[in-house]
Amino acid sequence: MKFAMSYSCGKDSTLAFHKMVEQGHKPVCLVVMVNEAAGRSYFHGADPDMLERYSEALALPMITCPAEGKTYQSAFEAGLMKAKSMGAEAVCFGDIDIEQNRRWEEERCKAVGLLPFFPLWQRGREEIVYELVRLGYQCLIKSVNRTVLPMSLLGTLIDETSILAMKSAGIDICGENGEYHTLAVDGPVFHKPLCFQVGDRIEMGDYAVVYIK
């Protein structure tokens, strides 16, 4: 089945993408929500230049959907309609177990006549992060909640060492509560590694981010 990937640039959506391809489905495009005011992708903060590099690295056209709070739903549905016009029959999401998010995504897919797929649904948290490492994905830690994780993790990869640090901190190992965010930069679904540079660290209240450019 031909599918569009609802892509955040992070580890979970990248693994979900991998699982769809592994099951024999064919990707036709990436759909990325962009914060209209900030000019960056929602949640993971990829700028337009980086999004273009993702499109090249994954060898897929990207549909960017600029939106703000009030227009998020309509912008996402418009993006899905574009994906459908490109041949998509389904949409893949990287959600794990947050029912509210899944219902919203199912409703958006139903509205435009596409089938929703959730390859990671109800899978164990540790199982997911260890599978990413086992498969050879390189996922860069871009932000951390400083109240639960050390800033020293910024700019490092998800690996045995960082996983152990997260387990020791007692957090959700997948960061589902915003404990950390990642950018996937290489792995089996990438046709070439993402070109990037690690820049300055910035503290913003309880959070700290590293500028990836």
N, C-alpha and C. Protein backbone atom coordinates (compact mmCIF):
# COMPACT_ATOMS: atom_id res chain seq x y z
N MET A 1 0.84 -1.20 0.00
CA MET A 1 0.00 0.00 0.00
C MET A 1 0.87 1.25 0.00
N LYS A 2 0.47 2.24 -0.77
CA LYS A 2 1.20 3.50 -0.81
C LYS A 2 0.79 4.37 0.39
N PHE A 3 1.79 4.94 1.06
CA PHE A 3 1.46 5.71 2.26
C PHE A 3 2.25 7.01 2.33
N ALA A 4 1.66 7.96 3.07
CA ALA A 4 2.34 9.21 3.43
C ALA A 4 2.81 9.05 4.87
N MET A 5 3.99 9.59 5.17
CA MET A 5 4.52 9.54 6.53
C MET A 5 4.30 10.87 7.22
N SER A 6 3.50 10.85 8.30
CA SER A 6 3.37 12.05 9.13
C SER A 6 4.65 12.15 9.94
N TYR A 7 5.53 13.03 9.51
CA TYR A 7 6.92 12.97 9.97
C TYR A 7 7.30 14.14 10.87
N SER A 8 7.87 13.81 12.04
CA SER A 8 8.30 14.84 12.98
C SER A 8 9.81 15.08 12.94
N CYS A 9 10.52 14.20 12.23
CA CYS A 9 11.99 14.18 12.18
C CYS A 9 12.61 13.50 13.40
N GLY A 10 11.77 13.03 14.32
CA GLY A 10 12.26 12.39 15.53
C GLY A 10 12.33 10.88 15.43
N LYS A 11 12.76 10.27 16.53
CA LYS A 11 13.03 8.83 16.55
C LYS A 11 11.79 7.97 16.34
N ASP A 12 10.65 8.32 16.98
CA ASP A 12 9.48 7.46 16.90
C ASP A 12 8.88 7.43 15.50
N SER A 13 8.74 8.60 14.87
CA SER A 13 8.18 8.60 13.52
C SER A 13 9.13 7.93 12.54
N THR A 14 10.44 8.03 12.81
CA THR A 14 11.41 7.37 11.93
C THR A 14 11.31 5.86 12.05
N LEU A 15 11.16 5.35 13.27
CA LEU A 15 11.01 3.90 13.45
C LEU A 15 9.69 3.42 12.86
N ALA A 16 8.62 4.20 13.02
CA ALA A 16 7.33 3.83 12.43
C ALA A 16 7.46 3.75 10.91
N PHE A 17 8.16 4.71 10.33
CA PHE A 17 8.44 4.72 8.89
C PHE A 17 9.17 3.43 8.50
N HIS A 18 10.18 3.09 9.27
CA HIS A 18 10.96 1.87 9.02
C HIS A 18 10.05 0.64 9.03
N LYS A 19 9.16 0.54 10.02
CA LYS A 19 8.30 -0.63 10.14
C LYS A 19 7.35 -0.74 8.96
N MET A 20 6.85 0.38 8.47
CA MET A 20 5.95 0.35 7.30
C MET A 20 6.69 -0.17 6.07
N VAL A 21 7.89 0.32 5.84
CA VAL A 21 8.68 -0.13 4.70
C VAL A 21 9.04 -1.61 4.86
N GLU A 22 9.37 -1.99 6.07
CA GLU A 22 9.72 -3.38 6.37
C GLU A 22 8.55 -4.33 6.05
N GLN A 23 7.33 -3.84 6.24
CA GLN A 23 6.13 -4.64 5.96
C GLN A 23 5.73 -4.63 4.49
N GLY A 24 6.52 -3.94 3.67
CA GLY A 24 6.28 -3.96 2.24
C GLY A 24 5.47 -2.81 1.68
N HIS A 25 5.14 -1.82 2.51
CA HIS A 25 4.39 -0.66 2.03
C HIS A 25 5.34 0.33 1.35
N LYS A 26 4.79 1.14 0.46
CA LYS A 26 5.62 2.05 -0.34
C LYS A 26 5.37 3.50 0.06
N PRO A 27 6.41 4.21 0.52
CA PRO A 27 6.23 5.62 0.88
C PRO A 27 6.17 6.50 -0.37
N VAL A 28 5.27 7.48 -0.34
CA VAL A 28 5.18 8.41 -1.47
C VAL A 28 5.57 9.83 -1.08
N CYS A 29 5.47 10.18 0.20
CA CYS A 29 5.83 11.54 0.62
C CYS A 29 5.89 11.63 2.13
N LEU A 30 6.46 12.73 2.59
CA LEU A 30 6.49 13.09 4.01
C LEU A 30 5.53 14.26 4.22
N VAL A 31 4.81 14.25 5.33
CA VAL A 31 3.93 15.37 5.69
C VAL A 31 4.43 15.94 7.01
N VAL A 32 4.81 17.22 7.00
CA VAL A 32 5.42 17.84 8.18
C VAL A 32 4.65 19.11 8.56
N MET A 33 4.24 19.19 9.81
CA MET A 33 3.57 20.38 10.31
C MET A 33 4.61 21.42 10.73
N VAL A 34 4.40 22.66 10.30
CA VAL A 34 5.35 23.74 10.57
C VAL A 34 4.67 24.84 11.37
N ASN A 35 5.31 25.25 12.45
CA ASN A 35 4.82 26.36 13.25
C ASN A 35 4.99 27.65 12.45
N GLU A 36 3.88 28.23 12.05
CA GLU A 36 3.91 29.39 11.15
C GLU A 36 4.67 30.56 11.76
N ALA A 37 4.50 30.79 13.05
CA ALA A 37 5.14 31.94 13.70
C ALA A 37 6.64 31.72 13.86
N ALA A 38 7.03 30.50 14.25
CA ALA A 38 8.44 30.21 14.49
C ALA A 38 9.21 29.88 13.22
N GLY A 39 8.49 29.45 12.19
CA GLY A 39 9.16 29.07 10.94
C GLY A 39 9.92 27.76 11.05
N ARG A 40 9.54 26.92 12.02
CA ARG A 40 10.19 25.63 12.22
C ARG A 40 9.14 24.54 12.40
N SER A 41 9.55 23.29 12.22
CA SER A 41 8.61 22.19 12.40
C SER A 41 8.15 22.12 13.85
N TYR A 42 6.89 21.73 14.03
CA TYR A 42 6.35 21.57 15.37
C TYR A 42 7.13 20.49 16.13
N PHE A 43 7.32 20.72 17.41
CA PHE A 43 7.86 19.76 18.38
C PHE A 43 9.37 19.52 18.28
N HIS A 44 9.91 19.38 17.06
CA HIS A 44 11.33 19.08 16.95
C HIS A 44 12.15 20.23 16.37
N GLY A 45 11.48 21.30 15.93
CA GLY A 45 12.16 22.54 15.60
C GLY A 45 13.11 22.52 14.42
N ALA A 46 12.81 21.73 13.38
CA ALA A 46 13.65 21.73 12.19
C ALA A 46 13.30 22.94 11.31
N ASP A 47 14.32 23.70 10.90
CA ASP A 47 14.07 24.88 10.07
C ASP A 47 13.89 24.46 8.60
N PRO A 48 13.46 25.39 7.73
CA PRO A 48 13.19 25.03 6.33
C PRO A 48 14.37 24.39 5.62
N ASP A 49 15.58 24.89 5.88
CA ASP A 49 16.76 24.31 5.23
C ASP A 49 16.96 22.87 5.67
N MET A 50 16.78 22.61 6.96
CA MET A 50 16.94 21.25 7.45
C MET A 50 15.84 20.34 6.91
N LEU A 51 14.62 20.84 6.80
CA LEU A 51 13.54 20.04 6.25
C LEU A 51 13.84 19.65 4.80
N GLU A 52 14.42 20.56 4.06
CA GLU A 52 14.82 20.26 2.69
C GLU A 52 15.87 19.15 2.67
N ARG A 53 16.79 19.20 3.63
CA ARG A 53 17.82 18.16 3.72
C ARG A 53 17.22 16.81 4.11
N TYR A 54 16.19 16.83 4.94
CA TYR A 54 15.49 15.58 5.27
C TYR A 54 14.85 14.98 4.02
N SER A 55 14.22 15.83 3.23
CA SER A 55 13.59 15.35 1.99
C SER A 55 14.62 14.69 1.09
N GLU A 56 15.80 15.29 1.00
CA GLU A 56 16.87 14.73 0.17
C GLU A 56 17.42 13.44 0.77
N ALA A 57 17.65 13.44 2.08
CA ALA A 57 18.25 12.27 2.73
C ALA A 57 17.32 11.06 2.70
N LEU A 58 16.01 11.31 2.77
CA LEU A 58 15.04 10.23 2.74
C LEU A 58 14.53 9.95 1.33
N ALA A 59 14.98 10.77 0.37
CA ALA A 59 14.62 10.61 -1.05
C ALA A 59 13.11 10.58 -1.26
N LEU A 60 12.43 11.51 -0.60
CA LEU A 60 10.97 11.62 -0.73
C LEU A 60 10.56 13.08 -0.79
N PRO A 61 9.53 13.39 -1.59
CA PRO A 61 9.01 14.76 -1.57
C PRO A 61 8.38 15.04 -0.21
N MET A 62 8.47 16.30 0.21
CA MET A 62 7.92 16.69 1.51
C MET A 62 6.81 17.72 1.33
N ILE A 63 5.69 17.46 1.99
CA ILE A 63 4.59 18.42 2.04
C ILE A 63 4.68 19.14 3.38
N THR A 64 5.00 20.42 3.36
CA THR A 64 5.06 21.19 4.60
C THR A 64 3.73 21.91 4.79
N CYS A 65 3.24 21.92 6.02
CA CYS A 65 1.92 22.47 6.32
C CYS A 65 2.05 23.56 7.37
N PRO A 66 2.25 24.82 6.96
CA PRO A 66 2.34 25.92 7.92
C PRO A 66 1.01 26.10 8.65
N ALA A 67 1.07 26.27 9.97
CA ALA A 67 -0.17 26.39 10.74
C ALA A 67 0.10 27.09 12.06
N GLU A 68 -0.97 27.58 12.66
CA GLU A 68 -0.96 28.03 14.05
C GLU A 68 -2.04 27.23 14.76
N GLY A 69 -2.26 27.52 16.02
CA GLY A 69 -3.22 26.72 16.79
C GLY A 69 -4.58 26.56 16.14
N LYS A 70 -5.17 27.67 15.70
CA LYS A 70 -6.52 27.64 15.16
C LYS A 70 -6.61 26.96 13.79
N THR A 71 -5.50 26.96 13.07
CA THR A 71 -5.53 26.41 11.70
C THR A 71 -4.84 25.06 11.59
N TYR A 72 -4.40 24.52 12.72
CA TYR A 72 -3.61 23.27 12.69
C TYR A 72 -4.40 22.13 12.03
N GLN A 73 -5.64 21.97 12.42
CA GLN A 73 -6.44 20.86 11.89
C GLN A 73 -6.66 20.99 10.39
N SER A 74 -7.09 22.16 9.95
CA SER A 74 -7.37 22.35 8.53
C SER A 74 -6.09 22.25 7.70
N ALA A 75 -4.98 22.75 8.25
CA ALA A 75 -3.71 22.68 7.52
C ALA A 75 -3.25 21.23 7.38
N PHE A 76 -3.44 20.44 8.43
CA PHE A 76 -3.04 19.03 8.37
C PHE A 76 -3.90 18.28 7.35
N GLU A 77 -5.20 18.52 7.37
CA GLU A 77 -6.07 17.85 6.41
C GLU A 77 -5.73 18.26 4.98
N ALA A 78 -5.38 19.53 4.78
CA ALA A 78 -4.97 19.98 3.45
C ALA A 78 -3.71 19.25 3.01
N GLY A 79 -2.78 19.05 3.95
CA GLY A 79 -1.56 18.31 3.63
C GLY A 79 -1.86 16.87 3.26
N LEU A 80 -2.79 16.26 3.99
CA LEU A 80 -3.17 14.88 3.68
C LEU A 80 -3.84 14.78 2.31
N MET A 81 -4.62 15.78 1.96
CA MET A 81 -5.25 15.78 0.64
C MET A 81 -4.20 15.85 -0.46
N LYS A 82 -3.15 16.64 -0.24
CA LYS A 82 -2.06 16.70 -1.22
C LYS A 82 -1.38 15.34 -1.33
N ALA A 83 -1.18 14.69 -0.18
CA ALA A 83 -0.57 13.36 -0.19
C ALA A 83 -1.44 12.38 -0.96
N LYS A 84 -2.74 12.48 -0.77
CA LYS A 84 -3.67 11.60 -1.48
C LYS A 84 -3.58 11.82 -2.98
N SER A 85 -3.44 13.09 -3.39
CA SER A 85 -3.33 13.40 -4.82
C SER A 85 -2.04 12.85 -5.42
N MET A 86 -1.06 12.56 -4.55
CA MET A 86 0.21 11.99 -5.00
C MET A 86 0.19 10.46 -5.00
N GLY A 87 -0.96 9.91 -4.64
CA GLY A 87 -1.11 8.46 -4.68
C GLY A 87 -1.20 7.76 -3.34
N ALA A 88 -1.09 8.50 -2.24
CA ALA A 88 -1.15 7.88 -0.92
C ALA A 88 -2.53 7.29 -0.66
N GLU A 89 -2.53 6.09 -0.12
CA GLU A 89 -3.77 5.43 0.29
C GLU A 89 -3.90 5.38 1.81
N ALA A 90 -2.79 5.64 2.49
CA ALA A 90 -2.76 5.54 3.95
C ALA A 90 -1.79 6.58 4.50
N VAL A 91 -1.86 6.76 5.82
CA VAL A 91 -0.94 7.66 6.52
C VAL A 91 -0.36 6.90 7.71
N CYS A 92 0.93 7.00 7.90
CA CYS A 92 1.61 6.34 9.01
C CYS A 92 1.93 7.36 10.10
N PHE A 93 1.68 6.98 11.35
CA PHE A 93 1.95 7.83 12.51
C PHE A 93 2.87 7.09 13.49
N GLY A 94 3.64 7.85 14.25
CA GLY A 94 4.58 7.26 15.20
C GLY A 94 4.10 7.21 16.63
N ASP A 95 2.79 7.36 16.85
CA ASP A 95 2.25 7.35 18.21
C ASP A 95 2.43 5.98 18.88
N ILE A 96 2.56 6.02 20.20
CA ILE A 96 2.79 4.79 20.96
C ILE A 96 1.56 4.39 21.77
N ASP A 97 1.00 5.32 22.56
CA ASP A 97 -0.16 4.90 23.37
C ASP A 97 -1.03 6.05 23.87
N ILE A 98 -0.89 7.24 23.33
CA ILE A 98 -1.73 8.35 23.78
C ILE A 98 -3.02 8.33 22.95
N GLU A 99 -4.11 7.86 23.59
CA GLU A 99 -5.37 7.64 22.89
C GLU A 99 -5.92 8.90 22.24
N GLN A 100 -5.81 10.04 22.93
CA GLN A 100 -6.35 11.29 22.41
C GLN A 100 -5.71 11.66 21.08
N ASN A 101 -4.40 11.49 20.99
CA ASN A 101 -3.70 11.80 19.74
C ASN A 101 -4.14 10.85 18.63
N ARG A 102 -4.25 9.57 18.96
CA ARG A 102 -4.64 8.60 17.95
C ARG A 102 -6.04 8.89 17.42
N ARG A 103 -6.98 9.20 18.30
CA ARG A 103 -8.35 9.50 17.85
C ARG A 103 -8.36 10.70 16.91
N TRP A 104 -7.60 11.74 17.27
CA TRP A 104 -7.54 12.94 16.43
C TRP A 104 -7.01 12.60 15.04
N GLU A 105 -5.95 11.81 15.00
CA GLU A 105 -5.35 11.44 13.71
C GLU A 105 -6.27 10.55 12.90
N GLU A 106 -6.97 9.65 13.56
CA GLU A 106 -7.94 8.80 12.86
C GLU A 106 -9.06 9.64 12.26
N GLU A 107 -9.51 10.65 12.99
CA GLU A 107 -10.56 11.54 12.49
C GLU A 107 -10.09 12.33 11.28
N ARG A 108 -8.85 12.80 11.31
CA ARG A 108 -8.32 13.55 10.17
C ARG A 108 -8.21 12.65 8.94
N CYS A 109 -7.77 11.43 9.14
CA CYS A 109 -7.66 10.50 8.02
C CYS A 109 -9.03 10.17 7.44
N LYS A 110 -10.00 9.95 8.32
CA LYS A 110 -11.36 9.64 7.87
C LYS A 110 -11.93 10.79 7.06
N ALA A 111 -11.62 12.02 7.47
CA ALA A 111 -12.16 13.20 6.79
C ALA A 111 -11.68 13.31 5.35
N VAL A 112 -10.48 12.77 5.07
CA VAL A 112 -9.93 12.89 3.71
C VAL A 112 -9.89 11.56 2.97
N GLY A 113 -10.39 10.50 3.61
CA GLY A 113 -10.47 9.21 2.93
C GLY A 113 -9.17 8.44 2.85
N LEU A 114 -8.36 8.51 3.91
CA LEU A 114 -7.11 7.75 3.97
C LEU A 114 -7.13 6.82 5.18
N LEU A 115 -6.40 5.72 5.10
CA LEU A 115 -6.33 4.76 6.20
C LEU A 115 -5.19 5.12 7.15
N PRO A 116 -5.42 5.12 8.46
CA PRO A 116 -4.35 5.40 9.42
C PRO A 116 -3.62 4.12 9.83
N PHE A 117 -2.31 4.21 9.95
CA PHE A 117 -1.49 3.09 10.43
C PHE A 117 -0.67 3.56 11.63
N PHE A 118 -0.56 2.70 12.65
CA PHE A 118 0.19 3.01 13.87
C PHE A 118 1.11 1.83 14.20
N PRO A 119 2.24 1.70 13.52
CA PRO A 119 3.11 0.53 13.69
C PRO A 119 3.69 0.35 15.09
N LEU A 120 3.77 1.44 15.87
CA LEU A 120 4.38 1.34 17.20
C LEU A 120 3.35 1.24 18.33
N TRP A 121 2.09 1.15 17.97
CA TRP A 121 1.03 1.25 18.98
C TRP A 121 1.15 0.14 20.03
N GLN A 122 1.15 0.56 21.29
CA GLN A 122 1.19 -0.31 22.46
C GLN A 122 2.48 -1.14 22.57
N ARG A 123 3.50 -0.73 21.88
CA ARG A 123 4.78 -1.42 22.04
C ARG A 123 5.50 -0.89 23.29
N GLY A 124 6.34 -1.72 23.87
CA GLY A 124 7.05 -1.34 25.08
C GLY A 124 8.05 -0.22 24.81
N ARG A 125 8.18 0.69 25.78
CA ARG A 125 9.07 1.84 25.62
C ARG A 125 10.53 1.40 25.41
N GLU A 126 11.01 0.53 26.28
CA GLU A 126 12.40 0.09 26.15
C GLU A 126 12.61 -0.67 24.85
N GLU A 127 11.61 -1.45 24.48
CA GLU A 127 11.69 -2.21 23.23
C GLU A 127 11.93 -1.27 22.05
N ILE A 128 11.25 -0.13 22.05
CA ILE A 128 11.37 0.82 20.95
C ILE A 128 12.77 1.43 20.89
N VAL A 129 13.26 1.94 22.02
CA VAL A 129 14.57 2.61 21.97
C VAL A 129 15.70 1.62 21.68
N TYR A 130 15.59 0.43 22.23
CA TYR A 130 16.64 -0.56 21.96
C TYR A 130 16.58 -1.05 20.51
N GLU A 131 15.39 -1.11 19.93
CA GLU A 131 15.30 -1.50 18.53
C GLU A 131 15.93 -0.45 17.63
N LEU A 132 15.73 0.82 17.96
CA LEU A 132 16.38 1.89 17.20
C LEU A 132 17.89 1.72 17.19
N VAL A 133 18.45 1.43 18.35
CA VAL A 133 19.89 1.23 18.45
C VAL A 133 20.31 -0.01 17.68
N ARG A 134 19.57 -1.09 17.84
CA ARG A 134 19.91 -2.35 17.18
C ARG A 134 19.88 -2.23 15.66
N LEU A 135 18.92 -1.47 15.15
CA LEU A 135 18.79 -1.30 13.71
C LEU A 135 19.83 -0.35 13.12
N GLY A 136 20.53 0.37 13.99
CA GLY A 136 21.57 1.28 13.51
C GLY A 136 21.14 2.71 13.29
N TYR A 137 19.99 3.09 13.87
CA TYR A 137 19.55 4.48 13.72
C TYR A 137 20.36 5.39 14.64
N GLN A 138 20.72 6.54 14.11
CA GLN A 138 21.41 7.56 14.89
C GLN A 138 20.42 8.69 15.16
N CYS A 139 20.06 8.83 16.41
CA CYS A 139 19.06 9.83 16.81
C CYS A 139 19.70 10.78 17.82
N LEU A 140 19.80 12.03 17.43
CA LEU A 140 20.49 13.05 18.20
C LEU A 140 19.54 13.67 19.22
N ILE A 141 19.96 13.76 20.47
CA ILE A 141 19.13 14.38 21.50
C ILE A 141 19.22 15.89 21.35
N LYS A 142 18.09 16.50 21.01
CA LYS A 142 18.07 17.93 20.70
C LYS A 142 17.62 18.80 21.87
N SER A 143 16.75 18.26 22.72
CA SER A 143 16.29 19.05 23.87
C SER A 143 16.08 18.14 25.06
N VAL A 144 16.22 18.70 26.25
CA VAL A 144 15.98 17.95 27.48
C VAL A 144 15.24 18.83 28.48
N ASN A 145 14.45 18.20 29.31
CA ASN A 145 13.87 18.87 30.47
C ASN A 145 14.91 18.81 31.58
N ARG A 146 15.46 19.95 31.93
CA ARG A 146 16.59 20.01 32.87
C ARG A 146 16.21 19.58 34.28
N THR A 147 14.91 19.52 34.57
CA THR A 147 14.51 19.10 35.91
C THR A 147 14.63 17.60 36.09
N VAL A 148 14.75 16.86 34.98
CA VAL A 148 14.83 15.39 35.09
C VAL A 148 16.02 14.79 34.36
N LEU A 149 16.64 15.54 33.45
CA LEU A 149 17.77 15.01 32.68
C LEU A 149 18.92 16.02 32.65
N PRO A 150 20.16 15.54 32.65
CA PRO A 150 21.31 16.45 32.61
C PRO A 150 21.52 17.06 31.23
N MET A 151 21.99 18.29 31.22
CA MET A 151 22.27 18.97 29.95
C MET A 151 23.38 18.29 29.16
N SER A 152 24.16 17.47 29.83
CA SER A 152 25.26 16.79 29.15
C SER A 152 24.77 15.84 28.06
N LEU A 153 23.48 15.49 28.09
CA LEU A 153 22.93 14.61 27.06
C LEU A 153 22.67 15.35 25.74
N LEU A 154 22.60 16.68 25.80
CA LEU A 154 22.33 17.45 24.58
C LEU A 154 23.41 17.20 23.54
N GLY A 155 22.97 16.94 22.31
CA GLY A 155 23.92 16.74 21.22
C GLY A 155 24.51 15.35 21.16
N THR A 156 24.11 14.47 22.09
CA THR A 156 24.59 13.09 22.06
C THR A 156 23.56 12.20 21.37
N LEU A 157 23.98 10.99 21.01
CA LEU A 157 23.09 10.06 20.33
C LEU A 157 22.38 9.14 21.33
N ILE A 158 21.21 8.66 20.93
CA ILE A 158 20.55 7.62 21.70
C ILE A 158 21.39 6.35 21.57
N ASP A 159 21.97 5.91 22.66
CA ASP A 159 22.78 4.70 22.66
C ASP A 159 22.68 4.06 24.04
N GLU A 160 23.45 3.01 24.26
CA GLU A 160 23.37 2.30 25.53
C GLU A 160 23.64 3.24 26.72
N THR A 161 24.59 4.16 26.55
CA THR A 161 24.96 5.07 27.64
C THR A 161 23.83 6.04 27.97
N SER A 162 23.26 6.67 26.94
CA SER A 162 22.19 7.65 27.19
C SER A 162 20.92 6.95 27.69
N ILE A 163 20.66 5.75 27.19
CA ILE A 163 19.49 4.99 27.67
C ILE A 163 19.65 4.67 29.15
N LEU A 164 20.85 4.28 29.55
CA LEU A 164 21.11 3.99 30.97
C LEU A 164 20.91 5.23 31.83
N ALA A 165 21.35 6.39 31.33
CA ALA A 165 21.17 7.64 32.08
C ALA A 165 19.69 7.96 32.25
N MET A 166 18.91 7.72 31.20
CA MET A 166 17.47 7.98 31.28
C MET A 166 16.78 7.02 32.23
N LYS A 167 17.18 5.76 32.19
CA LYS A 167 16.60 4.78 33.10
C LYS A 167 16.93 5.13 34.55
N SER A 168 18.15 5.59 34.78
CA SER A 168 18.58 5.98 36.13
C SER A 168 17.78 7.17 36.63
N ALA A 169 17.38 8.05 35.69
CA ALA A 169 16.60 9.24 36.06
C ALA A 169 15.13 8.90 36.30
N GLY A 170 14.73 7.70 35.91
CA GLY A 170 13.35 7.26 36.15
C GLY A 170 12.32 7.91 35.25
N ILE A 171 12.75 8.37 34.06
CA ILE A 171 11.82 9.05 33.16
C ILE A 171 11.17 8.05 32.20
N ASP A 172 10.16 8.52 31.47
CA ASP A 172 9.61 7.75 30.35
C ASP A 172 10.74 7.62 29.33
N ILE A 173 11.17 6.42 29.07
CA ILE A 173 12.36 6.18 28.26
C ILE A 173 12.20 6.68 26.82
N CYS A 174 10.94 6.83 26.37
CA CYS A 174 10.70 7.35 25.02
C CYS A 174 10.46 8.86 25.03
N GLY A 175 10.45 9.46 26.22
CA GLY A 175 10.26 10.91 26.30
C GLY A 175 8.87 11.36 25.94
N GLU A 176 7.87 10.50 26.16
CA GLU A 176 6.50 10.83 25.77
C GLU A 176 5.90 11.97 26.57
N ASN A 177 6.50 12.31 27.68
CA ASN A 177 6.02 13.44 28.49
C ASN A 177 6.87 14.69 28.28
N GLY A 178 7.63 14.70 27.19
CA GLY A 178 8.44 15.87 26.86
C GLY A 178 9.77 15.92 27.59
N GLU A 179 10.20 14.78 28.16
CA GLU A 179 11.48 14.76 28.87
C GLU A 179 12.65 15.07 27.94
N TYR A 180 12.53 14.66 26.69
CA TYR A 180 13.55 14.98 25.69
C TYR A 180 12.97 14.83 24.30
N HIS A 181 13.63 15.44 23.32
CA HIS A 181 13.25 15.29 21.91
C HIS A 181 14.50 14.97 21.11
N THR A 182 14.29 14.30 19.98
CA THR A 182 15.42 13.88 19.15
C THR A 182 15.23 14.30 17.70
N LEU A 183 16.32 14.26 16.96
CA LEU A 183 16.29 14.34 15.50
C LEU A 183 17.00 13.09 14.99
N ALA A 184 16.33 12.32 14.14
CA ALA A 184 16.97 11.17 13.51
C ALA A 184 17.86 11.69 12.38
N VAL A 185 19.10 11.22 12.33
CA VAL A 185 20.04 11.77 11.34
C VAL A 185 20.62 10.71 10.40
N ASP A 186 20.40 9.44 10.71
CA ASP A 186 20.89 8.38 9.81
C ASP A 186 20.27 7.06 10.23
N GLY A 187 20.29 6.10 9.30
CA GLY A 187 19.73 4.79 9.58
C GLY A 187 19.22 4.14 8.31
N PRO A 188 18.67 2.94 8.41
CA PRO A 188 18.29 2.16 7.23
C PRO A 188 17.36 2.84 6.24
N VAL A 189 16.41 3.68 6.69
CA VAL A 189 15.50 4.31 5.72
C VAL A 189 16.12 5.55 5.07
N PHE A 190 17.26 5.99 5.56
CA PHE A 190 17.94 7.14 4.97
C PHE A 190 18.75 6.68 3.75
N HIS A 191 18.60 7.41 2.65
CA HIS A 191 19.40 7.10 1.47
C HIS A 191 20.81 7.67 1.61
N LYS A 192 20.94 8.68 2.47
CA LYS A 192 22.24 9.22 2.83
C LYS A 192 22.09 9.89 4.19
N PRO A 193 23.18 10.00 4.95
CA PRO A 193 23.07 10.65 6.27
C PRO A 193 22.64 12.11 6.13
N LEU A 194 21.91 12.59 7.13
CA LEU A 194 21.53 14.00 7.15
C LEU A 194 22.76 14.84 7.46
N CYS A 195 23.00 15.87 6.67
CA CYS A 195 24.11 16.79 6.94
C CYS A 195 23.68 17.77 8.03
N PHE A 196 24.49 17.91 9.07
CA PHE A 196 24.12 18.82 10.15
C PHE A 196 25.37 19.22 10.94
N GLN A 197 25.22 20.29 11.71
CA GLN A 197 26.25 20.73 12.64
C GLN A 197 25.59 20.99 13.99
N VAL A 198 26.28 20.64 15.06
CA VAL A 198 25.78 20.90 16.41
C VAL A 198 26.27 22.26 16.85
N GLY A 199 25.33 23.14 17.20
CA GLY A 199 25.68 24.51 17.57
C GLY A 199 25.61 24.75 19.07
N ASP A 200 25.19 25.95 19.43
CA ASP A 200 25.16 26.38 20.83
C ASP A 200 24.02 25.74 21.61
N ARG A 201 24.22 25.65 22.90
CA ARG A 201 23.16 25.21 23.81
C ARG A 201 22.43 26.44 24.35
N ILE A 202 21.12 26.32 24.46
CA ILE A 202 20.31 27.44 24.92
C ILE A 202 19.40 26.94 26.05
N GLU A 203 19.36 27.68 27.15
CA GLU A 203 18.48 27.34 28.26
C GLU A 203 17.21 28.18 28.18
N MET A 204 16.06 27.50 28.32
CA MET A 204 14.76 28.17 28.26
C MET A 204 13.88 27.64 29.39
N GLY A 205 13.97 28.28 30.55
CA GLY A 205 13.21 27.81 31.70
C GLY A 205 13.68 26.43 32.13
N ASP A 206 12.73 25.50 32.23
CA ASP A 206 13.06 24.14 32.63
C ASP A 206 13.75 23.35 31.53
N TYR A 207 13.75 23.89 30.33
CA TYR A 207 14.27 23.15 29.18
C TYR A 207 15.60 23.72 28.67
N ALA A 208 16.33 22.86 28.00
CA ALA A 208 17.56 23.27 27.33
C ALA A 208 17.57 22.61 25.96
N VAL A 209 18.00 23.35 24.96
CA VAL A 209 18.06 22.82 23.59
C VAL A 209 19.44 23.08 23.02
N VAL A 210 19.80 22.27 22.05
CA VAL A 210 21.04 22.51 21.32
C VAL A 210 20.64 22.85 19.89
N TYR A 211 21.24 23.89 19.36
CA TYR A 211 20.90 24.34 18.02
C TYR A 211 21.54 23.41 17.00
N ILE A 212 20.72 22.78 16.18
CA ILE A 212 21.20 21.89 15.13
C ILE A 212 20.97 22.58 13.80
N LYS A 213 22.02 22.73 13.02
CA LYS A 213 21.87 23.44 11.75
C LYS A 213 22.54 22.67 10.62
